[in-house]
């Protein structure tokens, strides 16, 4: 399954539900800084929303993000290598 980091994060949140940046970074195999920058980009695109519950920031998919993530997951599962 060859997905970009943005795509991986969307699929991770679809499969696992709301997660902290550190949890997403670990599952995506990236640094927390890279994860944070990518989360900010996805937020700007309207694909995720974040909620700060002191001292944590929890990220979850928006309705738009759920639709995009579902399509990405379906496409990646149907790829034949």
PDB file of N, CA and C in Angstrom:
ATOM      1  N   UNK A   1       0.852  -1.168   0.000  1.00  0.00           N
ATOM      2  CA  UNK A   1       0.000   0.000   0.000  1.00  0.00           C
ATOM      3  C   UNK A   1       0.895   1.227   0.000  1.00  0.00           C
ATOM      4  N   UNK A   2       0.888   1.999  -1.076  1.00  0.00           N
ATOM      5  CA  UNK A   2       1.723   3.178  -1.212  1.00  0.00           C
ATOM      6  C   UNK A   2       0.870   4.431  -1.093  1.00  0.00           C
ATOM      7  N   UNK A   3       0.902   5.027   0.077  1.00  0.00           N
ATOM      8  CA  UNK A   3       0.148   6.246   0.327  1.00  0.00           C
ATOM      9  C   UNK A   3       1.105   7.350   0.746  1.00  0.00           C
ATOM     10  N   UNK A   4       0.723   8.597   0.473  1.00  0.00           N
ATOM     11  CA  UNK A   4       1.495   9.724   0.976  1.00  0.00           C
ATOM     12  C   UNK A   4       1.274   9.819   2.482  1.00  0.00           C
ATOM     13  N   UNK A   5       2.065  10.632   3.149  1.00  0.00           N
ATOM     14  CA  UNK A   5       1.905  10.797   4.597  1.00  0.00           C
ATOM     15  C   UNK A   5       0.521  11.354   4.913  1.00  0.00           C
ATOM     16  N   UNK A   6       0.064  12.328   4.141  1.00  0.00           N
ATOM     17  CA  UNK A   6      -1.280  12.870   4.360  1.00  0.00           C
ATOM     18  C   UNK A   6      -2.326  11.762   4.250  1.00  0.00           C
ATOM     19  N   UNK A   7      -2.201  10.952   3.220  1.00  0.00           N
ATOM     20  CA  UNK A   7      -3.161   9.873   3.009  1.00  0.00           C
ATOM     21  C   UNK A   7      -3.097   8.848   4.132  1.00  0.00           C
ATOM     22  N   UNK A   8      -1.883   8.507   4.573  1.00  0.00           N
ATOM     23  CA  UNK A   8      -1.727   7.559   5.683  1.00  0.00           C
ATOM     24  C   UNK A   8      -2.443   8.067   6.923  1.00  0.00           C
ATOM     25  N   UNK A   9      -2.257   9.343   7.232  1.00  0.00           N
ATOM     26  CA  UNK A   9      -2.874   9.911   8.433  1.00  0.00           C
ATOM     27  C   UNK A   9      -4.393   9.849   8.332  1.00  0.00           C
ATOM     28  N   UNK A  10      -4.943  10.161   7.181  1.00  0.00           N
ATOM     29  CA  UNK A  10      -6.397  10.077   7.007  1.00  0.00           C
ATOM     30  C   UNK A  10      -6.902   8.656   7.231  1.00  0.00           C
ATOM     31  N   UNK A  11      -6.223   7.681   6.669  1.00  0.00           N
ATOM     32  CA  UNK A  11      -6.644   6.283   6.826  1.00  0.00           C
ATOM     33  C   UNK A  11      -6.474   5.837   8.279  1.00  0.00           C
ATOM     34  N   UNK A  12      -5.393   6.241   8.930  1.00  0.00           N
ATOM     35  CA  UNK A  12      -5.185   5.897  10.343  1.00  0.00           C
ATOM     36  C   UNK A  12      -6.336   6.428  11.185  1.00  0.00           C
ATOM     37  N   UNK A  13      -6.710   7.690  10.984  1.00  0.00           N
ATOM     38  CA  UNK A  13      -7.802   8.267  11.766  1.00  0.00           C
ATOM     39  C   UNK A  13      -9.134   7.607  11.435  1.00  0.00           C
ATOM     40  N   UNK A  14      -9.321   7.192  10.197  1.00  0.00           N
ATOM     41  CA  UNK A  14     -10.541   6.468   9.826  1.00  0.00           C
ATOM     42  C   UNK A  14     -10.610   5.143  10.575  1.00  0.00           C
ATOM     43  N   UNK A  15      -9.504   4.421  10.612  1.00  0.00           N
ATOM     44  CA  UNK A  15      -9.483   3.091  11.228  1.00  0.00           C
ATOM     45  C   UNK A  15      -9.449   3.132  12.751  1.00  0.00           C
ATOM     46  N   UNK A  16      -8.738   4.097  13.329  1.00  0.00           N
ATOM     47  CA  UNK A  16      -8.515   4.114  14.779  1.00  0.00           C
ATOM     48  C   UNK A  16      -9.353   5.132  15.533  1.00  0.00           C
ATOM     49  N   UNK A  17      -9.940   6.098  14.832  1.00  0.00           N
ATOM     50  CA  UNK A  17     -10.691   7.148  15.507  1.00  0.00           C
ATOM     51  C   UNK A  17      -9.769   8.252  15.992  1.00  0.00           C
ATOM     52  N   UNK A  18     -10.290   9.170  16.822  1.00  0.00           N
ATOM     53  CA  UNK A  18      -9.501  10.309  17.284  1.00  0.00           C
ATOM     54  C   UNK A  18      -8.213   9.873  17.997  1.00  0.00           C
ATOM     55  N   UNK A  19      -7.112  10.537  17.652  1.00  0.00           N
ATOM     56  CA  UNK A  19      -5.806  10.216  18.228  1.00  0.00           C
ATOM     57  C   UNK A  19      -4.995  11.480  18.465  1.00  0.00           C
ATOM     58  N   UNK A  20      -4.039  11.379  19.376  1.00  0.00           N
ATOM     59  CA  UNK A  20      -3.071  12.445  19.607  1.00  0.00           C
ATOM     60  C   UNK A  20      -2.011  12.400  18.514  1.00  0.00           C
ATOM     61  N   UNK A  21      -1.310  13.526  18.323  1.00  0.00           N
ATOM     62  CA  UNK A  21      -0.247  13.582  17.319  1.00  0.00           C
ATOM     63  C   UNK A  21       0.784  12.482  17.530  1.00  0.00           C
ATOM     64  N   UNK A  22       1.177  12.246  18.778  1.00  0.00           N
ATOM     65  CA  UNK A  22       2.207  11.235  19.049  1.00  0.00           C
ATOM     66  C   UNK A  22       1.740   9.845  18.631  1.00  0.00           C
ATOM     67  N   UNK A  23       0.472   9.551  18.834  1.00  0.00           N
ATOM     68  CA  UNK A  23      -0.076   8.253  18.443  1.00  0.00           C
ATOM     69  C   UNK A  23      -0.133   8.116  16.921  1.00  0.00           C
ATOM     70  N   UNK A  24      -0.510   9.198  16.258  1.00  0.00           N
ATOM     71  CA  UNK A  24      -0.561   9.188  14.793  1.00  0.00           C
ATOM     72  C   UNK A  24       0.840   9.012  14.228  1.00  0.00           C
ATOM     73  N   UNK A  25       1.797   9.777  14.762  1.00  0.00           N
ATOM     74  CA  UNK A  25       3.182   9.715  14.280  1.00  0.00           C
ATOM     75  C   UNK A  25       3.731   8.301  14.396  1.00  0.00           C
ATOM     76  N   UNK A  26       3.480   7.660  15.527  1.00  0.00           N
ATOM     77  CA  UNK A  26       3.973   6.298  15.742  1.00  0.00           C
ATOM     78  C   UNK A  26       3.376   5.336  14.718  1.00  0.00           C
ATOM     79  N   UNK A  27       2.076   5.423  14.503  1.00  0.00           N
ATOM     80  CA  UNK A  27       1.417   4.521  13.555  1.00  0.00           C
ATOM     81  C   UNK A  27       1.829   4.798  12.104  1.00  0.00           C
ATOM     82  N   UNK A  28       2.124   6.066  11.799  1.00  0.00           N
ATOM     83  CA  UNK A  28       2.514   6.433  10.432  1.00  0.00           C
ATOM     84  C   UNK A  28       4.008   6.256  10.188  1.00  0.00           C
ATOM     85  N   UNK A  29       4.775   6.051  11.260  1.00  0.00           N
ATOM     86  CA  UNK A  29       6.218   5.874  11.120  1.00  0.00           C
ATOM     87  C   UNK A  29       6.943   7.161  10.767  1.00  0.00           C
ATOM     88  N   UNK A  30       6.466   8.282  11.335  1.00  0.00           N
ATOM     89  CA  UNK A  30       7.079   9.581  11.072  1.00  0.00           C
ATOM     90  C   UNK A  30       7.373  10.285  12.393  1.00  0.00           C
ATOM     91  N   UNK A  31       8.136  11.382  12.321  1.00  0.00           N
ATOM     92  CA  UNK A  31       8.430  12.148  13.532  1.00  0.00           C
ATOM     93  C   UNK A  31       7.184  12.923  13.962  1.00  0.00           C
ATOM     94  N   UNK A  32       7.155  13.305  15.241  1.00  0.00           N
ATOM     95  CA  UNK A  32       6.026  14.089  15.730  1.00  0.00           C
ATOM     96  C   UNK A  32       5.969  15.454  15.060  1.00  0.00           C
ATOM     97  N   UNK A  33       7.139  16.037  14.752  1.00  0.00           N
ATOM     98  CA  UNK A  33       7.158  17.334  14.076  1.00  0.00           C
ATOM     99  C   UNK A  33       6.541  17.221  12.684  1.00  0.00           C
ATOM    100  N   UNK A  34       6.934  16.189  11.938  1.00  0.00           N
ATOM    101  CA  UNK A  34       6.381  15.970  10.604  1.00  0.00           C
ATOM    102  C   UNK A  34       4.870  15.747  10.704  1.00  0.00           C
ATOM    103  N   UNK A  35       4.471  14.980  11.701  1.00  0.00           N
ATOM    104  CA  UNK A  35       3.053  14.713  11.918  1.00  0.00           C
ATOM    105  C   UNK A  35       2.304  16.017  12.193  1.00  0.00           C
ATOM    106  N   UNK A  36       2.850  16.845  13.069  1.00  0.00           N
ATOM    107  CA  UNK A  36       2.211  18.109  13.423  1.00  0.00           C
ATOM    108  C   UNK A  36       2.043  19.011  12.203  1.00  0.00           C
ATOM    109  N   UNK A  37       3.073  19.097  11.380  1.00  0.00           N
ATOM    110  CA  UNK A  37       3.001  19.914  10.164  1.00  0.00           C
ATOM    111  C   UNK A  37       1.944  19.368   9.202  1.00  0.00           C
ATOM    112  N   UNK A  38       1.880  18.056   9.094  1.00  0.00           N
ATOM    113  CA  UNK A  38       0.908  17.432   8.193  1.00  0.00           C
ATOM    114  C   UNK A  38      -0.508  17.596   8.728  1.00  0.00           C
ATOM    115  N   UNK A  39      -0.676  17.449  10.038  1.00  0.00           N
ATOM    116  CA  UNK A  39      -1.984  17.658  10.669  1.00  0.00           C
ATOM    117  C   UNK A  39      -2.466  19.081  10.396  1.00  0.00           C
ATOM    118  N   UNK A  40      -1.569  20.059  10.522  1.00  0.00           N
ATOM    119  CA  UNK A  40      -1.941  21.451  10.256  1.00  0.00           C
ATOM    120  C   UNK A  40      -2.390  21.632   8.805  1.00  0.00           C
ATOM    121  N   UNK A  41      -1.697  20.984   7.873  1.00  0.00           N
ATOM    122  CA  UNK A  41      -2.078  21.069   6.457  1.00  0.00           C
ATOM    123  C   UNK A  41      -3.452  20.433   6.227  1.00  0.00           C
ATOM    124  N   UNK A  42      -3.679  19.270   6.823  1.00  0.00           N
ATOM    125  CA  UNK A  42      -4.971  18.588   6.674  1.00  0.00           C
ATOM    126  C   UNK A  42      -6.094  19.411   7.299  1.00  0.00           C
ATOM    127  N   UNK A  43      -5.788  20.079   8.399  1.00  0.00           N
ATOM    128  CA  UNK A  43      -6.762  20.958   9.052  1.00  0.00           C
ATOM    129  C   UNK A  43      -7.121  22.108   8.114  1.00  0.00           C
ATOM    130  N   UNK A  44      -6.110  22.700   7.480  1.00  0.00           N
ATOM    131  CA  UNK A  44      -6.338  23.805   6.536  1.00  0.00           C
ATOM    132  C   UNK A  44      -7.180  23.367   5.345  1.00  0.00           C
ATOM    133  N   UNK A  45      -7.065  22.097   4.979  1.00  0.00           N
ATOM    134  CA  UNK A  45      -7.835  21.551   3.859  1.00  0.00           C
ATOM    135  C   UNK A  45      -9.240  21.117   4.278  1.00  0.00           C
ATOM    136  N   UNK A  46      -9.550  21.249   5.561  1.00  0.00           N
ATOM    137  CA  UNK A  46     -10.873  20.889   6.054  1.00  0.00           C
ATOM    138  C   UNK A  46     -11.102  19.400   6.204  1.00  0.00           C
ATOM    139  N   UNK A  47     -10.013  18.619   6.262  1.00  0.00           N
ATOM    140  CA  UNK A  47     -10.145  17.162   6.338  1.00  0.00           C
ATOM    141  C   UNK A  47     -10.103  16.623   7.759  1.00  0.00           C
ATOM    142  N   UNK A  48      -9.533  17.379   8.676  1.00  0.00           N
ATOM    143  CA  UNK A  48      -9.544  16.970  10.080  1.00  0.00           C
ATOM    144  C   UNK A  48      -9.840  18.173  10.954  1.00  0.00           C
ATOM    145  N   UNK A  49     -10.231  17.884  12.177  1.00  0.00           N
ATOM    146  CA  UNK A  49     -10.399  18.929  13.176  1.00  0.00           C
ATOM    147  C   UNK A  49      -9.698  18.477  14.440  1.00  0.00           C
ATOM    148  N   UNK A  50      -9.245  19.442  15.204  1.00  0.00           N
ATOM    149  CA  UNK A  50      -8.517  19.136  16.428  1.00  0.00           C
ATOM    150  C   UNK A  50      -9.242  19.742  17.609  1.00  0.00           C
ATOM    151  N   UNK A  51      -9.140  19.053  18.727  1.00  0.00           N
ATOM    152  CA  UNK A  51      -9.730  19.541  19.964  1.00  0.00           C
ATOM    153  C   UNK A  51      -8.653  19.479  21.028  1.00  0.00           C
ATOM    154  N   UNK A  52      -8.451  20.573  21.727  1.00  0.00           N
ATOM    155  CA  UNK A  52      -7.438  20.588  22.780  1.00  0.00           C
ATOM    156  C   UNK A  52      -8.116  20.282  24.102  1.00  0.00           C
ATOM    157  N   UNK A  53      -7.705  19.171  24.681  1.00  0.00           N
ATOM    158  CA  UNK A  53      -8.155  18.768  26.009  1.00  0.00           C
ATOM    159  C   UNK A  53      -6.892  18.755  26.853  1.00  0.00           C
ATOM    160  N   UNK A  54      -6.679  19.824  27.593  1.00  0.00           N
ATOM    161  CA  UNK A  54      -5.420  20.039  28.301  1.00  0.00           C
ATOM    162  C   UNK A  54      -4.947  18.772  28.974  1.00  0.00           C
ATOM    163  N   UNK A  55      -3.704  18.379  28.794  1.00  0.00           N
ATOM    164  CA  UNK A  55      -2.665  19.006  27.970  1.00  0.00           C
ATOM    165  C   UNK A  55      -2.562  18.372  26.590  1.00  0.00           C
ATOM    166  N   UNK A  56      -3.591  17.698  26.140  1.00  0.00           N
ATOM    167  CA  UNK A  56      -3.510  16.954  24.877  1.00  0.00           C
ATOM    168  C   UNK A  56      -4.301  17.618  23.765  1.00  0.00           C
ATOM    169  N   UNK A  57      -3.859  17.344  22.550  1.00  0.00           N
ATOM    170  CA  UNK A  57      -4.580  17.766  21.345  1.00  0.00           C
ATOM    171  C   UNK A  57      -5.044  16.491  20.655  1.00  0.00           C
ATOM    172  N   UNK A  58      -6.336  16.345  20.488  1.00  0.00           N
ATOM    173  CA  UNK A  58      -6.919  15.160  19.871  1.00  0.00           C
ATOM    174  C   UNK A  58      -7.373  15.527  18.455  1.00  0.00           C
ATOM    175  N   UNK A  59      -7.021  14.691  17.489  1.00  0.00           N
ATOM    176  CA  UNK A  59      -7.358  14.933  16.088  1.00  0.00           C
ATOM    177  C   UNK A  59      -8.373  13.909  15.614  1.00  0.00           C
ATOM    178  N   UNK A  60      -9.346  14.373  14.842  1.00  0.00           N
ATOM    179  CA  UNK A  60     -10.325  13.456  14.266  1.00  0.00           C
ATOM    180  C   UNK A  60     -10.715  13.954  12.885  1.00  0.00           C
ATOM    181  N   UNK A  61     -11.270  13.057  12.093  1.00  0.00           N
ATOM    182  CA  UNK A  61     -11.688  13.391  10.737  1.00  0.00           C
ATOM    183  C   UNK A  61     -12.961  14.226  10.748  1.00  0.00           C
ATOM    184  N   UNK A  62     -13.042  15.162   9.825  1.00  0.00           N
ATOM    185  CA  UNK A  62     -14.300  15.851   9.567  1.00  0.00           C
ATOM    186  C   UNK A  62     -15.133  14.934   8.670  1.00  0.00           C
ATOM    187  N   UNK A  63     -16.365  15.324   8.401  1.00  0.00           N
ATOM    188  CA  UNK A  63     -17.188  14.526   7.483  1.00  0.00           C
ATOM    189  C   UNK A  63     -16.506  14.413   6.124  1.00  0.00           C
ATOM    190  N   UNK A  64     -15.942  15.519   5.652  1.00  0.00           N
ATOM    191  CA  UNK A  64     -15.209  15.514   4.382  1.00  0.00           C
ATOM    192  C   UNK A  64     -14.011  14.572   4.465  1.00  0.00           C
ATOM    193  N   UNK A  65     -13.300  14.611   5.596  1.00  0.00           N
ATOM    194  CA  UNK A  65     -12.145  13.744   5.794  1.00  0.00           C
ATOM    195  C   UNK A  65     -12.515  12.273   5.787  1.00  0.00           C
ATOM    196  N   UNK A  66     -13.657  11.939   6.369  1.00  0.00           N
ATOM    197  CA  UNK A  66     -14.121  10.546   6.384  1.00  0.00           C
ATOM    198  C   UNK A  66     -14.346  10.059   4.956  1.00  0.00           C
ATOM    199  N   UNK A  67     -14.996  10.878   4.148  1.00  0.00           N
ATOM    200  CA  UNK A  67     -15.259  10.480   2.760  1.00  0.00           C
ATOM    201  C   UNK A  67     -13.962  10.277   1.980  1.00  0.00           C
ATOM    202  N   UNK A  68     -13.015  11.207   2.130  1.00  0.00           N
ATOM    203  CA  UNK A  68     -11.732  11.088   1.428  1.00  0.00           C
ATOM    204  C   UNK A  68     -10.983   9.850   1.903  1.00  0.00           C
ATOM    205  N   UNK A  69     -10.942   9.632   3.220  1.00  0.00           N
ATOM    206  CA  UNK A  69     -10.217   8.489   3.780  1.00  0.00           C
ATOM    207  C   UNK A  69     -10.826   7.165   3.325  1.00  0.00           C
ATOM    208  N   UNK A  70     -12.137   7.094   3.264  1.00  0.00           N
ATOM    209  CA  UNK A  70     -12.795   5.868   2.797  1.00  0.00           C
ATOM    210  C   UNK A  70     -12.410   5.555   1.358  1.00  0.00           C
ATOM    211  N   UNK A  71     -12.382   6.582   0.512  1.00  0.00           N
ATOM    212  CA  UNK A  71     -11.993   6.365  -0.887  1.00  0.00           C
ATOM    213  C   UNK A  71     -10.537   5.936  -0.988  1.00  0.00           C
ATOM    214  N   UNK A  72      -9.657   6.577  -0.208  1.00  0.00           N
ATOM    215  CA  UNK A  72      -8.236   6.211  -0.212  1.00  0.00           C
ATOM    216  C   UNK A  72      -8.042   4.766   0.220  1.00  0.00           C
ATOM    217  N   UNK A  73      -8.734   4.376   1.276  1.00  0.00           N
ATOM    218  CA  UNK A  73      -8.608   3.011   1.784  1.00  0.00           C
ATOM    219  C   UNK A  73      -9.085   2.007   0.741  1.00  0.00           C
ATOM    220  N   UNK A  74     -10.207   2.300   0.119  1.00  0.00           N
ATOM    221  CA  UNK A  74     -10.745   1.402  -0.911  1.00  0.00           C
ATOM    222  C   UNK A  74      -9.776   1.280  -2.088  1.00  0.00           C
ATOM    223  N   UNK A  75      -9.246   2.397  -2.537  1.00  0.00           N
ATOM    224  CA  UNK A  75      -8.295   2.380  -3.656  1.00  0.00           C
ATOM    225  C   UNK A  75      -7.048   1.596  -3.287  1.00  0.00           C
ATOM    226  N   UNK A  76      -6.500   1.863  -2.099  1.00  0.00           N
ATOM    227  CA  UNK A  76      -5.253   1.194  -1.703  1.00  0.00           C
ATOM    228  C   UNK A  76      -5.447  -0.303  -1.510  1.00  0.00           C
ATOM    229  N   UNK A  77      -6.616  -0.720  -1.068  1.00  0.00           N
ATOM    230  CA  UNK A  77      -6.879  -2.146  -0.876  1.00  0.00           C
ATOM    231  C   UNK A  77      -7.079  -2.876  -2.204  1.00  0.00           C
ATOM    232  N   UNK A  78      -7.454  -2.143  -3.239  1.00  0.00           N
ATOM    233  CA  UNK A  78      -7.712  -2.759  -4.540  1.00  0.00           C
ATOM    234  C   UNK A  78      -6.525  -2.706  -5.486  1.00  0.00           C
ATOM    235  N   UNK A  79      -5.424  -2.113  -5.051  1.00  0.00           N
ATOM    236  CA  UNK A  79      -4.230  -2.057  -5.894  1.00  0.00           C
ATOM    237  C   UNK A  79      -3.588  -3.429  -5.983  1.00  0.00           C
ATOM    238  N   UNK A  80      -3.186  -3.806  -7.159  1.00  0.00           N
ATOM    239  CA  UNK A  80      -2.514  -5.091  -7.376  1.00  0.00           C
ATOM    240  C   UNK A  80      -1.088  -4.794  -7.791  1.00  0.00           C
ATOM    241  N   UNK A  81      -0.125  -5.338  -7.064  1.00  0.00           N
ATOM    242  CA  UNK A  81       1.290  -5.099  -7.368  1.00  0.00           C
ATOM    243  C   UNK A  81       1.886  -6.340  -7.875  1.00  0.00           C
TER     244      UNK A  81
END
